[in-house]
N, C-alpha and C. Protein backbone atom coordinates (compact mmCIF):
# COMPACT_ATOMS: atom_id res chain seq x y z
N UNK A 1 -79.24 -69.99 -10.00
CA UNK A 1 -77.99 -69.91 -10.56
C UNK A 1 -77.11 -70.24 -9.42
N UNK A 2 -76.04 -70.48 -10.25
CA UNK A 2 -74.82 -71.44 -9.18
C UNK A 2 -73.96 -70.65 -9.48
N UNK A 3 -72.90 -69.96 -8.37
CA UNK A 3 -71.88 -69.39 -8.72
C UNK A 3 -70.76 -69.90 -9.26
N UNK A 4 -71.06 -71.38 -8.43
CA UNK A 4 -69.63 -71.83 -8.96
C UNK A 4 -69.76 -72.39 -10.39
N UNK A 5 -70.90 -72.67 -11.19
CA UNK A 5 -70.87 -73.20 -12.49
C UNK A 5 -71.42 -72.32 -13.10
N UNK A 6 -71.55 -71.19 -13.67
CA UNK A 6 -71.78 -69.92 -14.32
C UNK A 6 -72.36 -70.80 -15.66
N UNK A 7 -73.88 -70.42 -16.52
CA UNK A 7 -73.89 -70.73 -17.53
C UNK A 7 -73.13 -70.11 -18.74
N UNK A 8 -73.11 -70.87 -19.92
CA UNK A 8 -72.10 -70.27 -20.79
C UNK A 8 -72.83 -69.00 -21.53
N UNK A 9 -73.84 -68.38 -21.74
CA UNK A 9 -74.00 -67.29 -21.78
C UNK A 9 -73.69 -66.08 -20.98
N UNK A 10 -73.78 -66.45 -19.88
CA UNK A 10 -72.89 -65.10 -18.87
C UNK A 10 -71.38 -65.02 -18.79
N UNK A 11 -70.72 -66.09 -19.00
CA UNK A 11 -69.37 -66.46 -19.48
C UNK A 11 -69.05 -66.12 -20.42
N UNK A 12 -69.77 -65.93 -22.28
CA UNK A 12 -69.74 -65.49 -22.96
C UNK A 12 -69.70 -63.92 -22.80
N UNK A 13 -70.93 -63.29 -22.61
CA UNK A 13 -71.31 -61.94 -22.38
C UNK A 13 -70.20 -61.31 -21.35
N UNK A 14 -69.81 -61.88 -20.37
CA UNK A 14 -68.83 -61.35 -19.19
C UNK A 14 -67.34 -61.39 -20.02
N UNK A 15 -67.06 -62.40 -20.98
CA UNK A 15 -66.01 -62.24 -21.50
C UNK A 15 -65.95 -60.91 -22.61
N UNK A 16 -66.84 -61.10 -23.75
CA UNK A 16 -67.28 -59.82 -24.62
C UNK A 16 -66.92 -58.74 -23.50
N UNK A 17 -67.82 -58.63 -22.92
CA UNK A 17 -67.63 -57.07 -22.10
C UNK A 17 -66.10 -56.73 -21.47
N UNK A 18 -65.12 -57.73 -21.35
CA UNK A 18 -64.14 -57.76 -20.74
C UNK A 18 -63.09 -57.31 -22.05
N UNK A 19 -63.17 -58.22 -22.72
CA UNK A 19 -62.59 -57.65 -23.85
C UNK A 19 -62.59 -56.37 -24.58
N UNK A 20 -63.97 -55.98 -24.72
CA UNK A 20 -64.41 -54.73 -25.08
C UNK A 20 -63.75 -53.56 -24.13
N UNK A 21 -63.72 -53.95 -22.84
CA UNK A 21 -63.52 -53.09 -22.02
C UNK A 21 -62.03 -52.89 -22.22
N UNK A 22 -61.34 -53.89 -22.10
CA UNK A 22 -59.63 -53.63 -22.27
C UNK A 22 -59.75 -53.16 -23.13
N UNK A 23 -60.45 -53.18 -24.93
CA UNK A 23 -59.79 -52.39 -26.02
C UNK A 23 -60.09 -50.95 -25.62
N UNK A 24 -61.22 -50.47 -25.36
CA UNK A 24 -61.53 -49.10 -24.93
C UNK A 24 -60.48 -48.65 -24.00
N UNK A 25 -60.18 -49.31 -22.92
CA UNK A 25 -58.94 -48.85 -21.72
C UNK A 25 -57.76 -48.58 -22.43
N UNK A 26 -57.51 -49.51 -23.23
CA UNK A 26 -55.84 -49.50 -23.87
C UNK A 26 -56.03 -48.37 -25.14
N UNK A 27 -57.39 -48.12 -25.79
CA UNK A 27 -57.48 -47.11 -27.04
C UNK A 27 -57.70 -45.76 -26.30
N UNK A 28 -58.45 -45.43 -25.32
CA UNK A 28 -58.42 -44.49 -24.84
C UNK A 28 -57.54 -44.18 -23.21
N UNK A 29 -57.18 -45.10 -22.56
CA UNK A 29 -56.62 -44.60 -20.90
C UNK A 29 -55.46 -44.93 -20.84
N UNK A 30 -55.19 -46.25 -21.53
CA UNK A 30 -53.77 -46.86 -21.04
C UNK A 30 -52.54 -45.81 -21.88
N UNK A 31 -52.98 -45.53 -23.31
CA UNK A 31 -51.92 -44.83 -23.95
C UNK A 31 -51.84 -43.18 -23.67
N UNK A 32 -52.65 -42.48 -23.14
CA UNK A 32 -52.63 -41.31 -21.96
C UNK A 32 -51.91 -41.43 -20.90
N UNK A 33 -52.08 -42.67 -20.39
CA UNK A 33 -51.51 -42.89 -19.20
C UNK A 33 -50.45 -43.34 -19.40
N UNK A 34 -50.08 -44.33 -20.03
CA UNK A 34 -48.47 -44.42 -20.42
C UNK A 34 -47.51 -43.18 -20.88
N UNK A 35 -48.37 -42.72 -21.71
CA UNK A 35 -47.68 -41.24 -22.15
C UNK A 35 -47.54 -40.40 -21.15
N UNK A 36 -48.43 -40.19 -20.22
CA UNK A 36 -48.03 -39.33 -19.23
C UNK A 36 -46.45 -39.88 -18.21
N UNK A 37 -47.03 -41.12 -17.72
CA UNK A 37 -45.85 -42.04 -17.30
C UNK A 37 -44.69 -41.50 -18.03
N UNK A 38 -44.58 -42.07 -19.21
CA UNK A 38 -43.36 -41.46 -19.78
C UNK A 38 -42.67 -40.22 -19.75
N UNK A 39 -43.87 -39.30 -19.98
CA UNK A 39 -43.39 -37.92 -19.94
C UNK A 39 -42.61 -37.23 -18.91
N UNK A 40 -43.59 -38.01 -17.40
CA UNK A 40 -43.16 -37.76 -16.40
C UNK A 40 -41.96 -37.93 -16.06
N UNK A 41 -41.56 -39.48 -16.82
CA UNK A 41 -39.91 -40.21 -16.24
C UNK A 41 -39.04 -39.18 -17.25
N UNK A 42 -39.41 -38.75 -18.56
CA UNK A 42 -38.92 -38.15 -19.22
C UNK A 42 -38.12 -36.82 -18.47
N UNK A 43 -39.43 -36.04 -17.81
CA UNK A 43 -39.37 -34.97 -17.03
C UNK A 43 -38.47 -35.13 -15.94
N UNK A 44 -38.32 -36.19 -15.17
CA UNK A 44 -37.86 -36.56 -14.03
C UNK A 44 -36.33 -36.82 -14.65
N UNK A 45 -36.15 -37.57 -15.62
CA UNK A 45 -34.74 -37.70 -15.96
C UNK A 45 -34.04 -36.59 -16.40
N UNK A 46 -34.69 -35.46 -16.85
CA UNK A 46 -34.41 -34.14 -17.21
C UNK A 46 -34.23 -33.36 -16.14
N UNK A 47 -34.60 -33.29 -15.27
CA UNK A 47 -34.22 -33.05 -13.81
C UNK A 47 -33.25 -33.36 -12.97
N UNK A 48 -33.12 -34.58 -13.08
CA UNK A 48 -31.79 -35.43 -12.66
C UNK A 48 -31.03 -35.07 -13.32
N UNK A 49 -30.94 -35.02 -14.89
CA UNK A 49 -29.58 -34.38 -15.21
C UNK A 49 -29.43 -33.19 -15.36
N UNK A 50 -30.21 -32.07 -15.48
CA UNK A 50 -29.94 -30.67 -14.90
C UNK A 50 -29.69 -30.80 -13.43
N UNK A 51 -29.79 -31.47 -12.66
CA UNK A 51 -29.46 -31.23 -11.44
C UNK A 51 -27.83 -31.55 -11.20
N UNK A 52 -27.58 -32.67 -12.12
CA UNK A 52 -26.24 -33.08 -11.96
C UNK A 52 -25.38 -32.05 -12.56
N UNK A 53 -25.36 -31.86 -13.73
CA UNK A 53 -25.03 -30.30 -14.56
C UNK A 53 -25.04 -28.95 -13.35
N UNK A 54 -26.03 -28.77 -12.43
CA UNK A 54 -25.68 -27.43 -11.68
C UNK A 54 -24.84 -28.08 -10.74
N UNK A 55 -24.64 -29.25 -10.14
CA UNK A 55 -23.95 -29.71 -9.27
C UNK A 55 -22.77 -29.60 -10.03
N UNK A 56 -21.95 -29.74 -11.25
CA UNK A 56 -20.87 -30.09 -11.40
C UNK A 56 -20.72 -28.68 -11.86
N UNK A 57 -21.48 -27.64 -12.25
CA UNK A 57 -21.56 -26.27 -12.53
C UNK A 57 -20.94 -25.47 -11.43
N UNK A 58 -21.46 -26.02 -10.09
CA UNK A 58 -21.53 -25.85 -8.72
C UNK A 58 -19.96 -26.05 -7.89
N UNK A 59 -19.24 -26.90 -8.48
CA UNK A 59 -18.41 -27.68 -8.00
C UNK A 59 -16.61 -26.63 -8.70
N UNK A 60 -17.31 -25.94 -10.19
CA UNK A 60 -16.59 -25.48 -11.29
C UNK A 60 -16.50 -24.12 -10.76
N UNK A 61 -17.77 -23.54 -10.43
CA UNK A 61 -18.26 -22.30 -9.85
C UNK A 61 -16.86 -22.26 -8.28
N UNK A 62 -17.47 -23.20 -7.48
CA UNK A 62 -16.55 -23.35 -6.28
C UNK A 62 -14.89 -22.97 -6.41
N UNK A 63 -14.39 -24.18 -7.56
CA UNK A 63 -13.05 -24.36 -7.69
C UNK A 63 -12.75 -22.82 -8.13
N UNK A 64 -13.13 -22.41 -9.02
CA UNK A 64 -12.98 -21.30 -9.68
C UNK A 64 -12.95 -19.89 -8.74
N UNK A 65 -14.05 -19.87 -7.54
CA UNK A 65 -13.67 -18.89 -6.43
C UNK A 65 -12.82 -19.11 -5.51
N UNK A 66 -12.48 -20.53 -5.19
CA UNK A 66 -11.34 -20.63 -4.50
C UNK A 66 -9.94 -20.06 -5.36
N UNK A 67 -9.88 -20.37 -6.39
CA UNK A 67 -8.76 -19.92 -7.34
C UNK A 67 -8.97 -18.56 -6.96
N UNK A 68 -9.75 -18.03 -7.64
CA UNK A 68 -9.75 -16.20 -7.32
C UNK A 68 -9.66 -15.72 -6.17
N UNK A 69 -9.88 -16.47 -4.76
CA UNK A 69 -9.64 -15.94 -3.68
C UNK A 69 -8.17 -16.08 -3.54
N UNK A 70 -7.51 -17.71 -3.84
CA UNK A 70 -6.02 -17.51 -3.77
C UNK A 70 -5.58 -16.34 -4.15
N UNK A 71 -5.85 -16.25 -5.79
CA UNK A 71 -4.92 -14.90 -6.37
C UNK A 71 -5.17 -13.49 -6.08
N UNK A 72 -6.56 -13.49 -5.43
CA UNK A 72 -6.81 -11.97 -4.51
C UNK A 72 -6.07 -12.25 -3.07
N UNK A 73 -5.44 -13.19 -2.44
CA UNK A 73 -4.97 -13.39 -1.49
C UNK A 73 -3.30 -12.84 -1.36
N UNK A 74 -2.91 -13.52 -2.95
CA UNK A 74 -1.45 -13.50 -3.18
C UNK A 74 -1.22 -11.95 -3.46
N UNK A 75 -2.06 -11.19 -4.66
CA UNK A 75 -2.25 -9.99 -4.90
C UNK A 75 -1.98 -9.17 -3.57
N UNK A 76 -2.90 -9.52 -2.59
CA UNK A 76 -2.80 -8.50 -1.08
C UNK A 76 -1.83 -8.52 -0.71
N UNK A 77 -1.06 -9.78 -0.87
CA UNK A 77 -0.03 -9.89 0.27
C UNK A 77 1.35 -9.26 -0.22
N UNK A 78 1.19 -9.43 -2.06
CA UNK A 78 2.29 -8.74 -2.91
C UNK A 78 2.12 -7.14 -2.42
N UNK A 79 0.70 -6.88 -2.81
CA UNK A 79 0.39 -4.93 -2.42
C UNK A 79 1.20 -4.98 -1.18
N UNK A 80 1.09 -5.51 -0.18
CA UNK A 80 0.97 -5.00 0.99
C UNK A 80 2.41 -4.97 1.07
N UNK A 81 3.59 -6.19 0.65
CA UNK A 81 4.63 -5.98 0.77
C UNK A 81 5.41 -4.73 -0.21
N UNK A 82 4.59 -4.53 -1.50
CA UNK A 82 5.12 -3.35 -2.02
C UNK A 82 5.18 -2.08 -1.12
N UNK A 83 3.92 -1.96 -0.52
CA UNK A 83 3.59 -0.79 0.74
C UNK A 83 4.87 -0.79 1.67
N UNK A 84 5.07 -2.08 2.43
CA UNK A 84 6.10 -2.06 3.26
C UNK A 84 6.99 -1.36 2.69
N UNK A 85 7.58 -2.08 1.41
CA UNK A 85 8.70 -1.39 0.96
C UNK A 85 8.97 -0.28 0.39
N UNK A 86 7.72 0.20 -0.04
CA UNK A 86 8.08 1.99 -0.24
C UNK A 86 8.01 2.59 0.82
N UNK A 87 7.11 2.05 1.88
CA UNK A 87 7.23 2.71 2.89
C UNK A 87 8.78 2.74 3.65
N UNK A 88 9.68 1.82 3.81
CA UNK A 88 10.81 1.61 4.26
C UNK A 88 11.73 2.39 3.27
N UNK A 89 11.26 2.63 2.29
CA UNK A 89 12.39 3.60 1.59
C UNK A 89 12.16 4.71 1.53
N UNK A 90 10.48 5.30 1.81
CA UNK A 90 10.34 6.97 1.92
C UNK A 90 11.25 7.11 3.54
N UNK A 91 10.45 6.29 4.36
CA UNK A 91 11.13 6.68 5.65
C UNK A 91 13.22 6.80 5.70
N UNK A 92 13.44 6.13 4.97
CA UNK A 92 14.99 6.02 5.00
C UNK A 92 15.35 7.36 3.92
N UNK A 93 14.49 7.63 2.82
CA UNK A 93 15.18 8.56 2.21
C UNK A 93 14.83 9.83 2.95
N UNK A 94 13.79 9.66 3.96
CA UNK A 94 13.34 10.94 4.79
C UNK A 94 14.53 11.23 6.13
N UNK A 95 14.78 9.97 6.32
CA UNK A 95 15.99 9.97 7.14
C UNK A 95 16.83 10.86 6.52
N UNK A 96 17.40 10.33 5.41
CA UNK A 96 18.91 10.51 4.96
C UNK A 96 18.81 12.42 4.77
N UNK A 97 17.71 12.65 3.81
CA UNK A 97 17.56 13.67 3.65
C UNK A 97 17.27 15.17 4.86
N UNK A 98 16.82 14.24 5.73
CA UNK A 98 16.74 15.21 7.42
C UNK A 98 18.11 14.81 8.21
N UNK A 99 18.68 14.14 7.62
CA UNK A 99 20.58 13.99 7.87
C UNK A 99 20.95 15.30 6.84
N UNK A 100 20.96 15.20 6.02
CA UNK A 100 21.73 16.13 4.93
C UNK A 100 21.45 17.48 5.61
N UNK A 101 19.78 17.74 5.84
CA UNK A 101 19.51 19.18 6.01
C UNK A 101 20.09 19.14 7.54
N UNK A 102 20.47 18.10 8.48
CA UNK A 102 20.72 19.07 9.58
C UNK A 102 22.22 19.03 9.38
N UNK A 103 22.97 18.16 8.43
CA UNK A 103 24.32 18.63 8.47
C UNK A 103 24.75 19.94 7.91
N UNK A 104 23.92 20.45 7.07
CA UNK A 104 23.79 21.59 5.86
C UNK A 104 23.74 22.69 7.17
N UNK A 105 22.56 22.50 7.70
CA UNK A 105 22.17 23.50 8.98
C UNK A 105 23.47 23.78 10.07
N UNK A 106 24.17 22.72 10.14
CA UNK A 106 25.28 22.56 11.08
C UNK A 106 26.48 23.16 10.74
N UNK A 107 26.97 22.96 9.59
CA UNK A 107 27.98 23.53 9.03
C UNK A 107 27.58 24.83 8.74
N UNK A 108 26.32 25.23 8.00
CA UNK A 108 25.87 26.81 8.11
C UNK A 108 26.28 27.37 9.20
N UNK A 109 25.52 26.57 10.60
CA UNK A 109 25.40 27.41 11.43
C UNK A 109 27.45 27.49 12.27
N UNK A 110 28.33 26.79 11.99
CA UNK A 110 29.81 26.48 12.00
C UNK A 110 30.43 27.69 11.37
N UNK A 111 30.12 27.88 10.11
CA UNK A 111 30.47 28.83 8.96
C UNK A 111 29.88 30.22 10.07
N UNK A 112 28.73 30.35 10.47
CA UNK A 112 28.50 31.83 10.67
C UNK A 112 29.21 31.93 11.84
N UNK A 113 29.25 31.43 12.80
CA UNK A 113 29.89 31.43 14.06
C UNK A 113 31.39 31.63 13.88
N UNK A 114 32.12 30.96 12.96
CA UNK A 114 33.34 31.42 12.45
C UNK A 114 33.85 32.89 12.20
N UNK A 115 32.35 33.03 11.38
CA UNK A 115 32.47 34.42 10.62
C UNK A 115 32.40 35.70 11.52
N UNK A 116 31.16 35.28 12.17
CA UNK A 116 30.96 35.99 13.34
C UNK A 116 32.44 36.16 14.37
N UNK A 117 33.18 35.43 14.58
CA UNK A 117 34.11 35.27 15.31
C UNK A 117 35.19 35.57 14.75
N UNK A 118 35.16 36.11 13.67
CA UNK A 118 36.55 36.66 12.68
C UNK A 118 36.00 37.89 13.11
N UNK A 119 34.76 38.39 12.58
CA UNK A 119 34.48 39.81 13.20
C UNK A 119 34.75 40.59 14.16
N UNK A 120 34.13 39.96 15.63
CA UNK A 120 34.09 40.08 16.70
C UNK A 120 35.72 40.34 17.21
N UNK A 121 36.65 39.11 16.78
CA UNK A 121 38.21 39.74 16.72
C UNK A 121 38.70 41.00 16.45
N UNK A 122 38.32 41.02 15.08
CA UNK A 122 38.54 42.28 13.74
C UNK A 122 38.36 43.19 14.68
N UNK A 123 36.89 43.27 15.26
CA UNK A 123 36.53 44.95 15.51
C UNK A 123 37.28 45.10 17.10
N UNK A 124 37.10 43.80 17.76
CA UNK A 124 38.18 43.90 19.41
C UNK A 124 39.58 44.51 18.78
N UNK A 125 40.30 43.98 17.76
CA UNK A 125 41.43 44.60 17.70
C UNK A 125 41.42 45.63 17.00
N UNK A 126 40.31 46.25 16.57
CA UNK A 126 40.38 47.88 15.85
C UNK A 126 39.95 48.64 17.19
N UNK A 127 39.39 48.25 18.46
CA UNK A 127 38.94 48.96 19.27
C UNK A 127 40.15 49.05 20.41
N UNK A 128 41.04 47.91 20.38
CA UNK A 128 42.23 47.96 21.37
C UNK A 128 43.22 48.73 20.53
N UNK A 129 43.09 48.69 19.46
CA UNK A 129 44.33 49.71 18.36
C UNK A 129 44.10 51.00 18.75
N UNK A 130 42.38 51.13 18.47
CA UNK A 130 41.86 52.62 18.66
C UNK A 130 42.47 52.98 20.27
N UNK A 131 42.14 52.77 21.27
CA UNK A 131 42.65 52.23 22.57
C UNK A 131 44.07 52.60 22.71
N UNK A 132 44.74 52.07 22.25
CA UNK A 132 45.96 51.89 22.50
C UNK A 132 46.70 53.40 21.49
N UNK A 133 46.15 53.63 20.32
CA UNK A 133 46.66 54.97 19.98
C UNK A 133 46.55 55.83 21.07
N UNK A 134 45.09 56.16 21.31
CA UNK A 134 44.87 57.15 22.44
C UNK A 134 45.86 57.34 23.28
N UNK A 135 45.96 55.99 23.98
CA UNK A 135 46.75 55.96 24.97
C UNK A 135 48.17 56.84 24.94
N UNK A 136 48.90 55.89 23.80
CA UNK A 136 49.89 56.16 23.19
C UNK A 136 49.75 57.95 22.80
N UNK A 137 48.94 58.63 22.29
CA UNK A 137 49.01 59.84 22.19
C UNK A 137 48.93 60.53 23.47
N UNK A 138 48.15 60.47 24.57
CA UNK A 138 48.11 60.93 25.71
C UNK A 138 49.43 60.78 26.17
N UNK A 139 50.01 59.65 26.26
CA UNK A 139 51.60 59.84 26.81
C UNK A 139 52.37 60.27 26.28
N UNK A 140 52.49 60.19 24.53
CA UNK A 140 53.42 61.07 23.94
C UNK A 140 53.30 62.64 23.86
N UNK A 141 52.02 63.01 24.48
CA UNK A 141 51.98 64.70 24.32
C UNK A 141 52.36 64.74 25.75
N UNK A 142 52.25 64.35 26.87
CA UNK A 142 52.76 64.72 28.27
C UNK A 142 54.33 64.29 28.05
N UNK A 143 54.81 63.80 27.25
CA UNK A 143 56.08 63.39 27.43
C UNK A 143 56.84 64.21 26.47
N UNK A 144 56.43 64.77 25.57
CA UNK A 144 57.01 65.29 24.56
C UNK A 144 56.87 66.77 24.70
N UNK A 145 56.60 66.71 25.23
CA UNK A 145 56.54 68.65 25.68
C UNK A 145 57.87 69.37 25.64
N UNK A 146 58.83 68.22 26.33
CA UNK A 146 60.62 68.56 26.09
C UNK A 146 61.16 68.24 24.65
N UNK A 147 61.77 69.20 24.08
CA UNK A 147 62.44 68.91 23.00
C UNK A 147 63.21 67.76 22.52
N UNK A 148 64.35 67.59 24.16
CA UNK A 148 65.31 66.95 23.98
C UNK A 148 64.68 65.53 23.62
N UNK A 149 63.72 65.30 24.58
CA UNK A 149 63.12 63.99 24.51
C UNK A 149 62.21 63.44 23.00
N UNK A 150 61.45 64.51 22.31
CA UNK A 150 60.91 64.51 21.23
C UNK A 150 62.20 63.71 20.21
N UNK A 151 63.33 64.45 20.22
CA UNK A 151 64.41 64.14 19.41
C UNK A 151 65.05 62.95 19.48
N UNK A 152 65.08 62.51 21.14
CA UNK A 152 65.59 61.01 21.17
C UNK A 152 64.81 60.00 20.73
N UNK A 153 63.49 60.38 21.00
CA UNK A 153 62.53 59.36 20.63
C UNK A 153 62.36 59.07 18.96
N UNK A 154 62.60 59.87 18.22
CA UNK A 154 62.64 59.86 16.99
C UNK A 154 63.61 59.22 16.36
N UNK A 155 64.87 59.58 16.77
CA UNK A 155 66.30 58.59 16.62
C UNK A 155 65.79 57.07 17.00
N UNK A 156 65.18 56.92 17.92
CA UNK A 156 65.55 55.59 18.25
C UNK A 156 64.10 54.90 17.60
N UNK A 157 63.22 55.65 16.93
CA UNK A 157 62.21 55.19 15.97
C UNK A 157 62.70 54.95 14.39
N UNK A 158 63.86 55.84 14.01
CA UNK A 158 64.32 55.51 12.71
C UNK A 158 65.28 54.91 12.92
N UNK A 159 66.09 54.35 14.05
CA UNK A 159 66.92 53.29 14.15
C UNK A 159 66.04 51.57 13.97
N UNK A 160 65.05 51.74 14.63
CA UNK A 160 64.12 50.56 14.77
C UNK A 160 63.68 50.28 13.09
N UNK A 161 63.43 51.20 12.68
CA UNK A 161 62.75 50.72 11.13
C UNK A 161 64.07 50.85 10.16
N UNK A 162 65.13 51.22 10.21
CA UNK A 162 66.04 50.62 9.66
C UNK A 162 66.55 49.37 10.15
N UNK A 163 66.30 49.10 10.95
CA UNK A 163 66.35 47.64 11.24
C UNK A 163 65.85 46.69 11.04
N UNK A 164 64.87 46.59 10.72
CA UNK A 164 63.50 46.12 10.37
C UNK A 164 63.38 46.29 8.86
C-alpha cells in the first residue's frame, strides 16, 4: 500500500463514509449544537438587555432617591424654620405676658400701698384727734373750774364761729 497514492476503492469508501458521517452529524449533532448555541446566544442577549434595563432602572431609582432626599432636606429645613419661628413667637409672647403680669402686680402693689398709707394716715389722724381731745378735756377741766374763765372761753368760741 502506497500512502501517497491510495487505491480507488479506498478513496471511494473513505469519501462515502465521510459524506454519510457529515449527513449524520448534520442531522443529529449540528442542528442541536447550533440550536443550543443560538439559544445560549439568545439567553446571553436577554441577560445583557435585562442588565441594561436594570442599570437604567437603577439610574432612575438613584435619581428619584436623590430627589426624595432633596425634598426631605427641604422639608426638614422648613420644619426647622417654622419651629424656630414658633419658638421665638412663644418666647416673645411669654415675655410680653410676663411683663404684663409684672406690671399688673406692681400696679396692684402700689395701689395696696397707697390704700394702706391712707388707712394708716386716717388711723393716725384719728388717734391724734383722740389724744388731742383727751388733752383738751384735761386742760379744760383744770382751767374751767372757775365760772369766769368758762364764760370767757364760751364767748371767744361763739365769736370764732360767727366769724367763720
